Amino acid sequence: MYPYILMVLVVIIYAGNILVGKAINDLPPFTIAFFRLLVAFIALLPFGLKQAQEKWSLFPEYKKPILIMSLTGVTFFNTFIYGALQFTSATNVSVLESSIPVLTVILSAIILKEKLLKVQWIGVVLSFLGAIWVILDGKLLLLASTAWNIGDGIMIGAIVCWSIYSIYVKQYMQLFPSFGAPFIMTGISVLALLPFVAIEWITYGIPTFQIPSHILGLLFLGIFPSFIALVFYNRAVTLLGPSHASVFLNFLPVVTIIGAFLWLGETITLLQIIGSAFVIFGVMLTTQFGQEQKKKNERKQDDKLSV
């Protein structure tokens, strides 16, 4: 139950990431990504510095996975999202983002040899279709007539980044301290984004920061999605595996629409409620049968040991 609660909290925070990201989207994408990670790095300092110092030898030893996790999950995932929103609609971004669990499940099966039951595959597909149903308000035929553009191509980068990140988290994150690893990865990401921000400012000029909206928005993005949600997600993937954990991301459009209803005064339709039910049912199928399969495997392992 504990990892499921973590993933629900992750989805709520990531929904806030979308809503706040849309609200301050007049700032250029690398600027948003850089300052949110700078805030996260400062917030992680009292928690992660000591852990990183105590386990410092691990980071050079596993420099390749720590660099890949830094660049995919911390540096460029949200940068791609903010970049995509400069060119395409939030609807297109949500549709494409809903494909992350499907790609993660496929990569997990190929790379990690994770095995899902047929009913779990059905759950993955149901939650994916339910998420798209929610986004398009039940008008699935609109997907074929949607105008796709360069922003949608940029979003593919975000999808690939987060799927690869999830695989590497499952393989390596348990080796690192829970706060020390995000601290180091965030530090690497701040340095990696610095030249991109410099080029962005030279090309388009230094942006004007509105007080307090931009400052409060960047503080939220840095503390919650970039720090708290990242730590929660890493822990949940370690416990559940990337396939089961990523399925919860299909809740993202559901929670985002609820947030827009509560804070932005947008309406919720009956068709969106039906789509949300599909998402919930699909996630329940995937996670419930996954737990039963895990218990069976543990019992088989115990029987082998007893013999």
Protein backbone atom coordinates (compact mmCIF):
# COMPACT_ATOMS: atom_id res chain seq x y z
CA MET A 1 0.00 0.00 0.00
CA TYR A 2 2.88 2.36 0.86
CA PRO A 3 4.31 2.59 -2.71
CA TYR A 4 0.81 3.16 -4.13
CA ILE A 5 0.30 6.12 -1.79
CA LEU A 6 3.66 7.49 -2.95
CA MET A 7 2.59 7.22 -6.60
CA VAL A 8 -0.76 8.93 -5.93
CA LEU A 9 1.12 11.82 -4.30
CA VAL A 10 3.53 11.91 -7.26
CA VAL A 11 0.61 12.21 -9.69
CA ILE A 12 -1.01 15.01 -7.66
CA ILE A 13 2.28 16.93 -7.58
CA TYR A 14 2.91 16.36 -11.30
CA ALA A 15 -0.59 17.62 -12.07
CA GLY A 16 0.37 20.77 -10.17
CA ASN A 17 3.52 20.86 -12.32
CA ILE A 18 1.39 21.03 -15.47
CA LEU A 19 -0.98 23.67 -14.07
CA VAL A 20 1.81 25.89 -12.72
CA GLY A 21 3.94 25.27 -15.82
CA LYS A 22 1.07 26.52 -17.98
CA ALA A 23 0.62 29.56 -15.73
CA ILE A 24 4.25 30.71 -16.11
CA ASN A 25 4.74 29.50 -19.68
CA ASP A 26 5.50 33.05 -20.85
CA LEU A 27 9.03 32.34 -19.55
CA PRO A 28 11.25 30.44 -22.04
CA PRO A 29 11.61 26.67 -21.45
CA PHE A 30 15.30 26.43 -20.52
CA THR A 31 14.87 29.33 -18.08
CA ILE A 32 12.00 27.54 -16.32
CA ALA A 33 13.90 24.25 -16.22
CA PHE A 34 17.13 25.86 -14.96
CA PHE A 35 15.61 27.91 -12.13
CA ARG A 36 13.28 25.13 -10.94
CA LEU A 37 16.33 22.84 -10.63
CA LEU A 38 18.38 25.55 -8.95
CA VAL A 39 15.59 25.86 -6.35
CA ALA A 40 15.52 22.05 -6.00
CA PHE A 41 19.31 21.90 -5.54
CA ILE A 42 19.17 24.48 -2.73
CA ALA A 43 16.20 22.68 -1.12
CA LEU A 44 18.07 19.34 -1.28
CA LEU A 45 21.28 20.79 0.17
CA PRO A 46 20.53 20.16 3.89
CA PHE A 47 19.22 16.64 3.16
CA GLY A 48 21.47 15.37 0.39
CA LEU A 49 24.93 16.87 0.94
CA LYS A 50 25.83 14.72 3.97
CA GLN A 51 24.48 11.54 2.36
CA ALA A 52 26.38 12.26 -0.85
CA GLN A 53 29.62 12.83 1.09
CA GLU A 54 29.21 9.60 3.08
CA LYS A 55 28.60 7.51 -0.07
CA TRP A 56 30.75 9.56 -2.44
CA SER A 57 32.70 6.54 -3.77
CA LEU A 58 29.50 5.15 -5.32
CA PHE A 59 29.05 8.07 -7.72
CA PRO A 60 32.36 7.73 -9.62
CA GLU A 61 31.94 3.94 -9.60
CA TYR A 62 28.50 4.18 -11.20
CA LYS A 63 29.10 7.39 -13.13
CA LYS A 64 27.39 6.17 -16.33
CA PRO A 65 24.00 5.30 -14.76
CA ILE A 66 24.03 8.40 -12.54
CA LEU A 67 24.73 10.57 -15.59
CA ILE A 68 22.00 8.88 -17.66
CA MET A 69 19.45 9.25 -14.83
CA SER A 70 20.46 12.90 -14.39
CA LEU A 71 20.11 13.81 -18.05
CA THR A 72 16.92 11.83 -18.79
CA GLY A 73 14.82 12.22 -15.64
CA VAL A 74 16.07 15.52 -14.20
CA THR A 75 17.65 17.64 -16.93
CA PHE A 76 15.65 17.13 -20.09
CA PHE A 77 12.28 15.48 -19.26
CA ASN A 78 10.55 18.65 -18.08
CA THR A 79 12.67 20.81 -20.41
CA PHE A 80 11.14 18.90 -23.33
CA ILE A 81 7.64 19.42 -21.85
CA TYR A 82 8.13 23.17 -21.44
CA GLY A 83 9.63 23.35 -24.92
CA ALA A 84 6.71 21.42 -26.42
CA LEU A 85 4.19 23.76 -24.81
CA GLN A 86 5.76 26.66 -26.71
CA PHE A 87 4.53 25.12 -29.98
CA THR A 88 1.67 22.74 -29.25
CA SER A 89 -1.44 22.57 -27.10
CA ALA A 90 -1.68 21.17 -23.57
CA THR A 91 -4.10 18.57 -25.00
CA ASN A 92 -1.50 17.24 -27.43
CA VAL A 93 1.09 17.14 -24.64
CA SER A 94 -1.30 15.19 -22.39
CA VAL A 95 -2.14 12.70 -25.16
CA LEU A 96 1.53 12.02 -25.83
CA GLU A 97 2.45 11.93 -22.14
CA SER A 98 -0.14 9.19 -21.61
CA SER A 99 1.99 6.90 -23.77
CA ILE A 100 4.83 6.90 -21.21
CA PRO A 101 3.47 3.90 -19.23
CA VAL A 102 3.04 1.85 -22.41
CA LEU A 103 6.61 2.50 -23.58
CA THR A 104 7.94 1.88 -20.05
CA VAL A 105 6.14 -1.48 -19.85
CA ILE A 106 7.57 -2.53 -23.24
CA LEU A 107 11.12 -1.46 -22.30
CA SER A 108 10.81 -3.20 -18.92
CA ALA A 109 9.79 -6.42 -20.64
CA ILE A 110 12.72 -6.19 -23.09
CA ILE A 111 15.49 -4.89 -20.82
CA LEU A 112 14.52 -5.99 -17.30
CA LYS A 113 12.63 -9.13 -18.38
CA GLU A 114 9.64 -8.02 -16.31
CA LYS A 115 6.71 -10.30 -17.04
CA LEU A 116 3.12 -9.07 -17.00
CA LEU A 117 0.06 -11.30 -17.02
CA LYS A 118 -2.42 -10.91 -19.89
CA VAL A 119 -4.87 -9.25 -17.51
CA GLN A 120 -2.18 -6.73 -16.53
CA TRP A 121 -1.57 -5.87 -20.19
CA ILE A 122 -5.33 -5.32 -20.47
CA GLY A 123 -5.09 -3.00 -17.46
CA VAL A 124 -2.26 -1.00 -19.09
CA VAL A 125 -4.24 -0.59 -22.32
CA LEU A 126 -7.48 0.29 -20.48
CA SER A 127 -5.79 2.97 -18.37
CA PHE A 128 -4.07 4.37 -21.49
CA LEU A 129 -7.34 4.55 -23.45
CA GLY A 130 -9.11 5.98 -20.41
CA ALA A 131 -6.50 8.73 -20.11
CA ILE A 132 -6.93 9.70 -23.77
CA TRP A 133 -10.73 9.53 -23.34
CA VAL A 134 -10.47 12.01 -20.45
CA ILE A 135 -8.20 14.37 -22.40
CA LEU A 136 -10.40 14.38 -25.50
CA ASP A 137 -13.68 14.40 -23.54
CA GLY A 138 -14.76 11.10 -25.10
CA LYS A 139 -14.29 12.33 -28.67
CA LEU A 140 -11.63 9.78 -29.66
CA LEU A 141 -12.10 10.51 -33.38
CA LEU A 142 -10.61 13.95 -32.73
CA LEU A 143 -7.25 12.23 -32.31
CA ALA A 144 -7.09 11.54 -36.07
CA SER A 145 -7.99 15.13 -36.98
CA THR A 146 -5.68 16.79 -34.43
CA ALA A 147 -3.10 19.14 -35.92
CA TRP A 148 0.31 17.82 -34.91
CA ASN A 149 3.42 20.01 -35.12
CA ILE A 150 7.04 20.41 -34.01
CA GLY A 151 5.99 20.60 -30.36
CA ASP A 152 4.65 17.06 -30.58
CA GLY A 153 8.02 15.91 -31.90
CA ILE A 154 9.69 17.59 -28.92
CA MET A 155 7.29 15.72 -26.58
CA ILE A 156 8.55 12.41 -27.95
CA GLY A 157 11.89 13.34 -26.38
CA ALA A 158 10.15 13.68 -22.98
CA ILE A 159 8.44 10.29 -23.38
CA VAL A 160 11.69 8.51 -24.23
CA CYS A 161 13.57 10.32 -21.43
CA TRP A 162 11.15 9.34 -18.67
CA SER A 163 10.86 5.73 -19.85
CA ILE A 164 14.66 5.31 -19.87
CA TYR A 165 14.90 7.05 -16.49
CA SER A 166 12.37 4.63 -14.97
CA ILE A 167 14.35 1.61 -16.22
CA TYR A 168 17.61 2.92 -14.78
CA VAL A 169 15.96 3.83 -11.47
CA LYS A 170 14.83 0.22 -11.06
CA GLN A 171 18.32 -1.09 -11.88
CA TYR A 172 20.51 1.33 -9.92
CA MET A 173 18.67 3.70 -7.56
CA GLN A 174 18.71 1.24 -4.64
CA LEU A 175 22.52 1.54 -4.63
CA PHE A 176 22.43 5.25 -3.81
CA PRO A 177 21.23 7.22 -0.75
CA SER A 178 17.64 8.45 -1.14
CA PHE A 179 18.47 12.18 -0.87
CA GLY A 180 22.11 12.02 -1.90
CA ALA A 181 21.32 10.74 -5.40
CA PRO A 182 18.74 13.45 -6.28
CA PHE A 183 21.13 16.06 -4.85
CA ILE A 184 23.98 14.95 -7.14
CA MET A 185 21.67 14.48 -10.16
CA THR A 186 20.14 17.92 -9.67
CA GLY A 187 23.60 19.49 -9.38
CA ILE A 188 24.68 17.80 -12.63
CA SER A 189 21.47 19.02 -14.30
CA VAL A 190 21.96 22.64 -13.19
CA LEU A 191 25.45 22.61 -14.72
CA ALA A 192 24.17 20.87 -17.88
CA LEU A 193 21.43 23.47 -18.40
CA LEU A 194 23.63 26.51 -17.74
CA PRO A 195 24.99 26.83 -21.32
CA PHE A 196 21.50 26.32 -22.77
CA VAL A 197 20.14 29.15 -20.62
CA ALA A 198 23.04 31.39 -21.65
CA ILE A 199 22.32 30.72 -25.34
CA GLU A 200 18.58 31.27 -24.77
CA TRP A 201 19.20 34.64 -23.09
CA ILE A 202 21.74 35.75 -25.73
CA THR A 203 19.30 34.80 -28.50
CA TYR A 204 16.01 36.08 -27.05
CA GLY A 205 17.15 38.46 -24.31
CA ILE A 206 16.94 38.14 -20.53
CA PRO A 207 13.31 37.46 -19.59
CA THR A 208 11.37 39.69 -17.23
CA PHE A 209 10.42 37.90 -14.02
CA GLN A 210 7.03 38.91 -12.67
CA ILE A 211 6.81 39.17 -8.88
CA PRO A 212 5.27 37.28 -7.20
CA SER A 213 3.71 34.96 -9.85
CA HIS A 214 6.90 33.75 -11.56
CA ILE A 215 8.88 33.51 -8.32
CA LEU A 216 6.16 31.55 -6.50
CA GLY A 217 5.69 29.32 -9.54
CA LEU A 218 9.39 28.49 -9.75
CA LEU A 219 9.54 27.85 -5.99
CA PHE A 220 6.65 25.37 -6.31
CA LEU A 221 8.22 23.64 -9.32
CA GLY A 222 11.59 23.39 -7.57
CA ILE A 223 10.39 22.10 -4.20
CA PHE A 224 7.50 19.81 -5.13
CA PRO A 225 7.91 18.23 -8.62
CA SER A 226 11.72 18.50 -8.77
CA PHE A 227 12.47 17.41 -5.18
CA ILE A 228 9.62 15.74 -3.29
CA ALA A 229 7.94 13.98 -6.22
CA LEU A 230 11.29 12.79 -7.60
CA VAL A 231 12.24 11.17 -4.28
CA PHE A 232 8.78 9.58 -3.99
CA TYR A 233 8.87 8.27 -7.58
CA ASN A 234 12.36 6.79 -7.16
CA ARG A 235 11.22 4.93 -4.05
CA ALA A 236 8.00 3.68 -5.66
CA VAL A 237 9.84 2.37 -8.75
CA THR A 238 12.33 0.56 -6.52
CA LEU A 239 9.46 -1.17 -4.69
CA LEU A 240 6.99 -1.72 -7.55
CA GLY A 241 9.13 -1.80 -10.67
CA PRO A 242 8.87 0.67 -13.56
CA SER A 243 5.91 -1.09 -15.25
CA HIS A 244 3.56 -0.93 -12.26
CA ALA A 245 4.70 2.51 -11.09
CA SER A 246 4.44 4.16 -14.51
CA VAL A 247 0.82 3.02 -14.99
CA PHE A 248 -0.15 5.50 -12.27
CA LEU A 249 0.92 8.32 -14.61
CA ASN A 250 -2.31 7.69 -16.52
CA PHE A 251 -4.02 9.36 -13.56
CA LEU A 252 -2.24 12.57 -14.56
CA PRO A 253 -4.90 13.97 -16.94
CA VAL A 254 -7.63 12.97 -14.47
CA VAL A 255 -6.02 14.85 -11.58
CA THR A 256 -5.09 17.78 -13.85
CA ILE A 257 -8.71 18.20 -14.96
CA ILE A 258 -9.89 18.06 -11.32
CA GLY A 259 -7.29 20.71 -10.45
CA ALA A 260 -8.43 22.89 -13.34
CA PHE A 261 -12.02 22.51 -12.09
CA LEU A 262 -11.11 23.50 -8.51
CA TRP A 263 -8.65 26.33 -9.23
CA LEU A 264 -9.36 27.53 -12.75
CA GLY A 265 -13.15 27.13 -12.79
CA GLU A 266 -13.15 24.72 -15.76
CA THR A 267 -16.02 22.25 -16.14
CA ILE A 268 -15.94 18.45 -15.83
CA THR A 269 -18.15 16.45 -18.19
CA LEU A 270 -19.83 13.06 -17.76
CA LEU A 271 -17.64 11.60 -20.51
CA GLN A 272 -14.51 12.67 -18.60
CA ILE A 273 -15.85 10.94 -15.49
CA ILE A 274 -16.39 7.76 -17.54
CA GLY A 275 -12.84 7.99 -18.88
CA SER A 276 -11.53 8.46 -15.34
CA ALA A 277 -13.32 5.26 -14.30
CA PHE A 278 -11.51 3.38 -17.09
CA VAL A 279 -8.18 4.75 -15.86
CA ILE A 280 -8.88 3.69 -12.27
CA PHE A 281 -10.07 0.23 -13.34
CA GLY A 282 -7.03 -0.26 -15.59
CA VAL A 283 -4.59 0.76 -12.86
CA MET A 284 -6.35 -1.55 -10.38
CA LEU A 285 -6.07 -4.49 -12.79
CA THR A 286 -2.35 -3.90 -13.33
CA THR A 287 -1.40 -3.34 -9.70
CA GLN A 288 -3.72 -5.87 -8.01
CA PHE A 289 -2.71 -8.79 -10.20
CA GLY A 290 0.88 -7.65 -9.99
CA GLN A 291 0.78 -7.99 -6.20
CA GLU A 292 -0.78 -11.46 -6.44
CA GLN A 293 1.87 -12.56 -8.95
CA LYS A 294 4.62 -11.20 -6.68
CA LYS A 295 3.25 -13.16 -3.71
CA LYS A 296 3.11 -16.36 -5.80
CA ASN A 297 6.71 -15.88 -6.90
CA GLU A 298 7.79 -15.30 -3.30
CA ARG A 299 5.99 -18.47 -2.18
CA LYS A 300 7.70 -20.47 -4.96
CA GLN A 301 11.05 -19.07 -3.90
CA ASP A 302 10.38 -20.01 -0.26
CA ASP A 303 9.39 -23.54 -1.32
CA LYS A 304 12.65 -23.92 -3.27
CA LEU A 305 14.67 -22.76 -0.27
CA SER A 306 12.86 -25.11 2.10
CA VAL A 307 13.61 -28.07 -0.19
